[in-house]
Amino acid sequence: MKYFLRTGLAILGLMLCFQTRMAAGPAAPTAAAPSGAGWVSLFNGHNLDGWTIKIAKHPLSENAFNTFRVEDGILKVNYDNYPEFGGRFGHLYSNLAYSHYIFRLEYRFSGSMVPDAQDYVNLNSGIMIHAQPPQSLLLDQGFPSSLEMQFLADEGKGERSTANLCTPGTNIELGGKLVTTHIIKSTAPTFAPETWVKAEVEVHGNDEVIHRINGVEVLRYQRPQLDPRDDNAPASELLKAGSPLLLSSGHIALQAEGQPVWFRKIELKPLEKK
């Protein structure tokens, strides 16, 4: 394990020196950006070109049990080939890292969670931003150090807002105060599982991040950073390897957490630094 950790973190150190950052075209942080000029599609509707797979307990780039697949122009996370889930949390990472941008997509849940997954996985997925490079993850590592825009749907048990923030290996600030809570709720409504929902995250490096659902702002926070207390992501080891405390850039990743989910209209608009 220590060998994999050292190797992964060495790769991380090199990649942090050469990560590609995109920046172009200012945008007001309080309003949803209009469609049209400046948007770049990150999903071609045919295959997974431009993305890298990492599933816990499997080598980098191995699409175990055909988890991630493209059907009818939709990027789907499926578990119909799994003998059991077995903690195989997975993510589909953008090949490039980004710093200042707006990222948007549409998602909907489909079917039922894998029976042996944890209960919280039910109708639960998300996108990760400022994620560590997939090449730096340990073989069994379930989640990257990152910020997760969490997607949830109605379980029939009351309100369950989508677009919350989850912080694997990270912390953020709200109103100038450090917040170490793992889940920070948004003001978004609750949606039926098979509803297509438009999700958007606006990222200004380390300054500010904004979550929007169907064009409406539902959460805003500042100064994302690694959590030096956290050994699970493993953020503390990333810091020891030379990663900066404050997160100013990183990869985008679509989550495969044990619940089938569909993604489409995956686009990014670069922004200028403020």
Protein backbone atom coordinates (compact mmCIF):
# COMPACT_ATOMS: atom_id res chain seq x y z
CA MET A 1 0.00 0.00 0.00
CA LYS A 2 2.81 2.43 0.86
CA TYR A 3 4.36 1.76 -2.54
CA PHE A 4 1.13 2.64 -4.32
CA LEU A 5 0.74 5.73 -2.15
CA ARG A 6 4.24 6.99 -2.87
CA THR A 7 3.91 6.26 -6.58
CA GLY A 8 0.51 7.91 -6.87
CA LEU A 9 1.57 10.99 -4.96
CA ALA A 10 4.75 11.33 -7.03
CA ILE A 11 2.62 11.32 -10.18
CA LEU A 12 0.36 13.89 -8.55
CA GLY A 13 3.30 16.19 -7.87
CA LEU A 14 4.32 16.12 -11.51
CA MET A 15 0.80 16.61 -12.78
CA LEU A 16 0.15 19.57 -10.50
CA CYS A 17 3.06 21.31 -12.18
CA PHE A 18 1.65 20.80 -15.68
CA GLN A 19 -2.14 20.87 -15.26
CA THR A 20 -3.97 22.65 -18.07
CA ARG A 21 -6.19 25.54 -17.02
CA MET A 22 -8.80 27.10 -19.25
CA ALA A 23 -9.82 30.78 -19.05
CA ALA A 24 -11.82 33.02 -21.39
CA GLY A 25 -14.82 35.32 -21.32
CA PRO A 26 -16.13 36.94 -18.09
CA ALA A 27 -19.52 35.96 -16.67
CA ALA A 28 -21.66 37.41 -13.87
CA PRO A 29 -21.62 35.01 -10.88
CA THR A 30 -25.21 35.77 -9.88
CA ALA A 31 -26.95 34.76 -13.11
CA ALA A 32 -27.06 31.55 -15.11
CA ALA A 33 -24.96 31.84 -18.25
CA PRO A 34 -26.95 31.80 -21.51
CA SER A 35 -26.44 29.01 -23.99
CA GLY A 36 -24.56 29.74 -27.19
CA ALA A 37 -21.14 31.28 -27.72
CA GLY A 38 -18.29 30.11 -25.55
CA TRP A 39 -19.63 26.69 -24.60
CA VAL A 40 -17.59 23.58 -25.36
CA SER A 41 -19.08 20.08 -25.37
CA LEU A 42 -17.07 17.63 -23.22
CA PHE A 43 -19.10 14.60 -24.33
CA ASN A 44 -19.38 13.64 -27.99
CA GLY A 45 -22.41 11.38 -27.58
CA HIS A 46 -20.60 8.39 -29.09
CA ASN A 47 -17.83 7.27 -26.74
CA LEU A 48 -15.77 8.25 -23.68
CA ASP A 49 -13.05 10.14 -25.53
CA GLY A 50 -11.68 12.93 -23.34
CA TRP A 51 -12.39 11.08 -20.10
CA THR A 52 -10.47 8.70 -17.82
CA ILE A 53 -12.08 5.97 -15.71
CA LYS A 54 -11.00 5.06 -12.18
CA ILE A 55 -13.04 2.52 -10.21
CA ALA A 56 -11.97 1.47 -6.72
CA LYS A 57 -10.22 -1.94 -6.62
CA HIS A 58 -9.54 -1.79 -10.37
CA PRO A 59 -6.60 -0.32 -12.33
CA LEU A 60 -6.73 3.11 -13.90
CA SER A 61 -8.76 3.20 -17.15
CA GLU A 62 -10.39 -0.21 -16.57
CA ASN A 63 -14.14 0.12 -17.21
CA ALA A 64 -14.99 -2.70 -14.81
CA PHE A 65 -18.22 -4.55 -15.72
CA ASN A 66 -18.90 -1.89 -18.37
CA THR A 67 -19.99 0.56 -15.66
CA PHE A 68 -19.72 3.63 -17.89
CA ARG A 69 -21.33 3.29 -21.31
CA VAL A 70 -22.83 5.42 -24.06
CA GLU A 71 -26.27 4.51 -25.38
CA ASP A 72 -28.51 6.62 -27.62
CA GLY A 73 -26.30 9.67 -27.09
CA ILE A 74 -26.55 9.43 -23.30
CA LEU A 75 -23.70 8.68 -20.90
CA LYS A 76 -25.02 6.01 -18.54
CA VAL A 77 -23.78 4.55 -15.27
CA ASN A 78 -25.06 0.95 -15.04
CA TYR A 79 -24.65 -2.00 -12.69
CA ASP A 80 -26.43 -4.77 -14.57
CA ASN A 81 -23.16 -6.71 -15.02
CA TYR A 82 -22.03 -6.51 -11.38
CA PRO A 83 -21.94 -9.75 -9.33
CA GLU A 84 -21.92 -7.41 -6.29
CA PHE A 85 -21.03 -3.80 -5.67
CA GLY A 86 -18.30 -4.55 -3.14
CA GLY A 87 -17.39 -0.93 -2.52
CA ARG A 88 -16.42 -0.29 -6.14
CA PHE A 89 -17.03 3.47 -6.08
CA GLY A 90 -16.08 4.90 -9.44
CA HIS A 91 -15.59 8.20 -11.25
CA LEU A 92 -15.19 9.32 -14.83
CA TYR A 93 -12.57 12.10 -14.88
CA SER A 94 -12.05 14.84 -17.43
CA ASN A 95 -8.61 14.41 -18.99
CA LEU A 96 -7.91 18.09 -18.43
CA ALA A 97 -7.93 20.04 -15.19
CA TYR A 98 -9.81 23.34 -14.98
CA SER A 99 -9.74 26.43 -12.81
CA HIS A 100 -12.20 29.17 -13.91
CA TYR A 101 -15.27 27.91 -15.73
CA ILE A 102 -18.96 27.07 -15.75
CA PHE A 103 -19.78 23.38 -16.08
CA ARG A 104 -23.29 22.15 -16.80
CA LEU A 105 -25.13 18.95 -17.62
CA GLU A 106 -28.49 17.26 -17.26
CA TYR A 107 -28.95 14.17 -15.10
CA ARG A 108 -31.69 11.72 -14.19
CA PHE A 109 -31.78 8.58 -12.07
CA SER A 110 -32.77 5.25 -13.57
CA GLY A 111 -33.62 1.99 -11.82
CA SER A 112 -32.51 0.84 -8.39
CA MET A 113 -29.28 0.98 -6.45
CA VAL A 114 -27.07 -2.09 -6.15
CA PRO A 115 -28.49 -4.20 -3.28
CA ASP A 116 -25.25 -4.50 -1.29
CA ALA A 117 -24.36 -0.80 -1.44
CA GLN A 118 -24.81 1.46 1.58
CA ASP A 119 -28.32 2.86 2.09
CA TYR A 120 -27.24 6.44 1.42
CA VAL A 121 -26.38 5.43 -2.16
CA ASN A 122 -30.08 5.22 -3.05
CA LEU A 123 -30.96 7.83 -5.69
CA ASN A 124 -27.62 9.50 -5.02
CA SER A 125 -24.91 10.61 -7.46
CA GLY A 126 -23.00 13.78 -8.26
CA ILE A 127 -20.16 15.58 -9.96
CA MET A 128 -16.78 16.30 -8.43
CA ILE A 129 -14.81 19.50 -9.06
CA HIS A 130 -11.25 20.46 -8.10
CA ALA A 131 -10.62 16.70 -7.96
CA GLN A 132 -7.14 15.25 -7.63
CA PRO A 133 -5.83 13.59 -10.83
CA PRO A 134 -7.14 10.05 -11.35
CA GLN A 135 -3.54 8.87 -11.78
CA SER A 136 -2.86 9.83 -8.15
CA LEU A 137 -5.59 7.69 -6.58
CA LEU A 138 -4.70 4.57 -4.63
CA LEU A 139 -5.96 1.29 -6.04
CA ASP A 140 -8.73 0.92 -3.42
CA GLN A 141 -9.48 4.64 -2.98
CA GLY A 142 -13.22 5.24 -3.31
CA PHE A 143 -13.33 9.03 -3.66
CA PRO A 144 -10.90 11.70 -4.80
CA SER A 145 -10.10 14.70 -2.66
CA SER A 146 -12.60 17.08 -4.23
CA LEU A 147 -15.81 19.08 -3.88
CA GLU A 148 -18.96 17.16 -4.79
CA MET A 149 -22.12 18.75 -6.14
CA GLN A 150 -24.37 16.00 -4.83
CA PHE A 151 -27.41 14.87 -6.82
CA LEU A 152 -30.34 13.41 -4.87
CA ALA A 153 -33.94 12.44 -5.70
CA ASP A 154 -37.16 11.83 -3.82
CA GLU A 155 -37.28 8.61 -1.76
CA GLY A 156 -40.83 9.28 -0.58
CA LYS A 157 -39.61 10.18 2.90
CA GLY A 158 -39.92 13.97 2.77
CA GLU A 159 -37.79 16.79 1.38
CA ARG A 160 -34.45 15.76 -0.11
CA SER A 161 -32.75 18.72 -1.77
CA THR A 162 -30.37 18.16 -4.65
CA ALA A 163 -27.12 20.08 -5.37
CA ASN A 164 -25.85 19.85 -1.80
CA LEU A 165 -22.10 20.09 -1.21
CA CYS A 166 -20.14 17.06 0.02
CA THR A 167 -16.49 17.49 0.96
CA PRO A 168 -14.36 14.32 0.66
CA GLY A 169 -10.95 15.38 1.95
CA THR A 170 -11.81 19.08 1.73
CA ASN A 171 -13.22 22.08 3.60
CA ILE A 172 -14.70 25.38 2.44
CA GLU A 173 -15.52 28.80 3.85
CA LEU A 174 -18.88 30.47 4.25
CA GLY A 175 -19.00 34.16 5.14
CA GLY A 176 -15.29 34.15 5.97
CA LYS A 177 -15.58 31.23 8.40
CA LEU A 178 -14.06 27.78 7.90
CA VAL A 179 -16.70 25.05 7.60
CA THR A 180 -15.64 21.44 8.21
CA THR A 181 -19.09 19.85 7.95
CA HIS A 182 -19.09 17.03 5.39
CA ILE A 183 -22.51 17.88 3.90
CA ILE A 184 -23.77 21.43 3.36
CA LYS A 185 -27.36 21.58 2.17
CA SER A 186 -28.57 23.68 -0.74
CA THR A 187 -31.89 25.46 -1.14
CA ALA A 188 -32.82 23.34 -4.18
CA PRO A 189 -36.17 21.50 -4.34
CA THR A 190 -36.78 17.75 -4.32
CA PHE A 191 -37.18 16.04 -7.71
CA ALA A 192 -38.78 12.77 -8.75
CA PRO A 193 -36.12 10.14 -9.64
CA GLU A 194 -36.69 9.98 -13.40
CA THR A 195 -36.90 13.75 -13.92
CA TRP A 196 -34.22 15.32 -16.11
CA VAL A 197 -32.60 18.05 -13.98
CA LYS A 198 -30.29 20.81 -15.26
CA ALA A 199 -27.28 21.20 -12.95
CA GLU A 200 -24.64 23.91 -13.24
CA VAL A 201 -21.57 24.79 -11.19
CA GLU A 202 -19.67 28.04 -11.63
CA VAL A 203 -16.08 27.92 -10.44
CA HIS A 204 -13.76 30.87 -9.86
CA GLY A 205 -10.55 29.09 -8.89
CA ASN A 206 -10.13 29.35 -5.14
CA ASP A 207 -12.31 32.43 -4.77
CA GLU A 208 -15.87 31.16 -5.06
CA VAL A 209 -18.08 28.30 -6.26
CA ILE A 210 -21.78 28.56 -7.12
CA HIS A 211 -24.30 25.72 -7.55
CA ARG A 212 -27.40 26.21 -9.72
CA ILE A 213 -30.34 23.95 -10.47
CA ASN A 214 -32.52 24.67 -13.50
CA GLY A 215 -30.86 28.09 -13.73
CA VAL A 216 -31.49 29.10 -10.10
CA GLU A 217 -28.67 29.61 -7.60
CA VAL A 218 -29.02 27.20 -4.65
CA LEU A 219 -25.62 27.33 -2.91
CA ARG A 220 -22.51 29.54 -2.82
CA TYR A 221 -19.25 29.07 -0.92
CA GLN A 222 -15.65 30.27 -0.92
CA ARG A 223 -12.00 29.22 -0.55
CA PRO A 224 -12.12 25.45 -1.16
CA GLN A 225 -9.17 23.72 0.47
CA LEU A 226 -7.74 20.35 1.40
CA ASP A 227 -8.56 19.04 4.87
CA PRO A 228 -5.30 18.28 6.73
CA ARG A 229 -7.23 16.09 9.20
CA ASP A 230 -8.52 13.72 6.53
CA ASP A 231 -6.70 10.46 5.78
CA ASN A 232 -9.43 8.86 3.68
CA ALA A 233 -9.11 10.82 0.42
CA PRO A 234 -6.13 11.00 1.40
CA ALA A 235 -5.88 14.78 1.71
CA SER A 236 -3.24 14.79 4.43
CA GLU A 237 -0.91 12.72 2.25
CA LEU A 238 -1.49 15.05 -0.70
CA LEU A 239 -0.41 17.95 1.50
CA LYS A 240 2.68 16.06 2.62
CA ALA A 241 3.52 15.47 -1.05
CA GLY A 242 3.52 19.21 -1.72
CA SER A 243 -0.04 19.99 -2.84
CA PRO A 244 -1.13 23.52 -1.84
CA LEU A 245 -3.73 23.80 0.91
CA LEU A 246 -6.01 26.01 -1.17
CA LEU A 247 -7.63 24.35 -4.18
CA SER A 248 -7.52 26.55 -7.26
CA SER A 249 -7.95 23.94 -9.99
CA GLY A 250 -8.60 20.28 -10.58
CA HIS A 251 -10.38 17.68 -12.64
CA ILE A 252 -14.13 17.29 -13.11
CA ALA A 253 -15.52 13.81 -12.42
CA LEU A 254 -18.91 12.16 -12.90
CA GLN A 255 -19.81 9.79 -10.10
CA ALA A 256 -20.66 6.08 -10.10
CA GLU A 257 -21.70 5.40 -6.52
CA GLY A 258 -23.88 2.27 -6.83
CA GLN A 259 -27.00 3.94 -8.24
CA PRO A 260 -27.74 3.90 -12.00
CA VAL A 261 -27.78 7.45 -13.38
CA TRP A 262 -27.82 9.07 -16.82
CA PHE A 263 -25.95 12.20 -17.98
CA ARG A 264 -26.36 14.29 -21.14
CA LYS A 265 -25.58 17.77 -22.56
CA ILE A 266 -22.22 17.90 -20.77
CA GLU A 267 -20.70 21.31 -21.50
CA LEU A 268 -18.09 23.73 -20.18
CA LYS A 269 -17.60 27.47 -20.64
CA PRO A 270 -14.15 28.89 -19.74
CA LEU A 271 -14.10 32.08 -17.69
CA GLU A 272 -11.50 34.78 -17.18
CA LYS A 273 -9.98 35.24 -13.77
CA LYS A 274 -11.56 38.08 -11.83
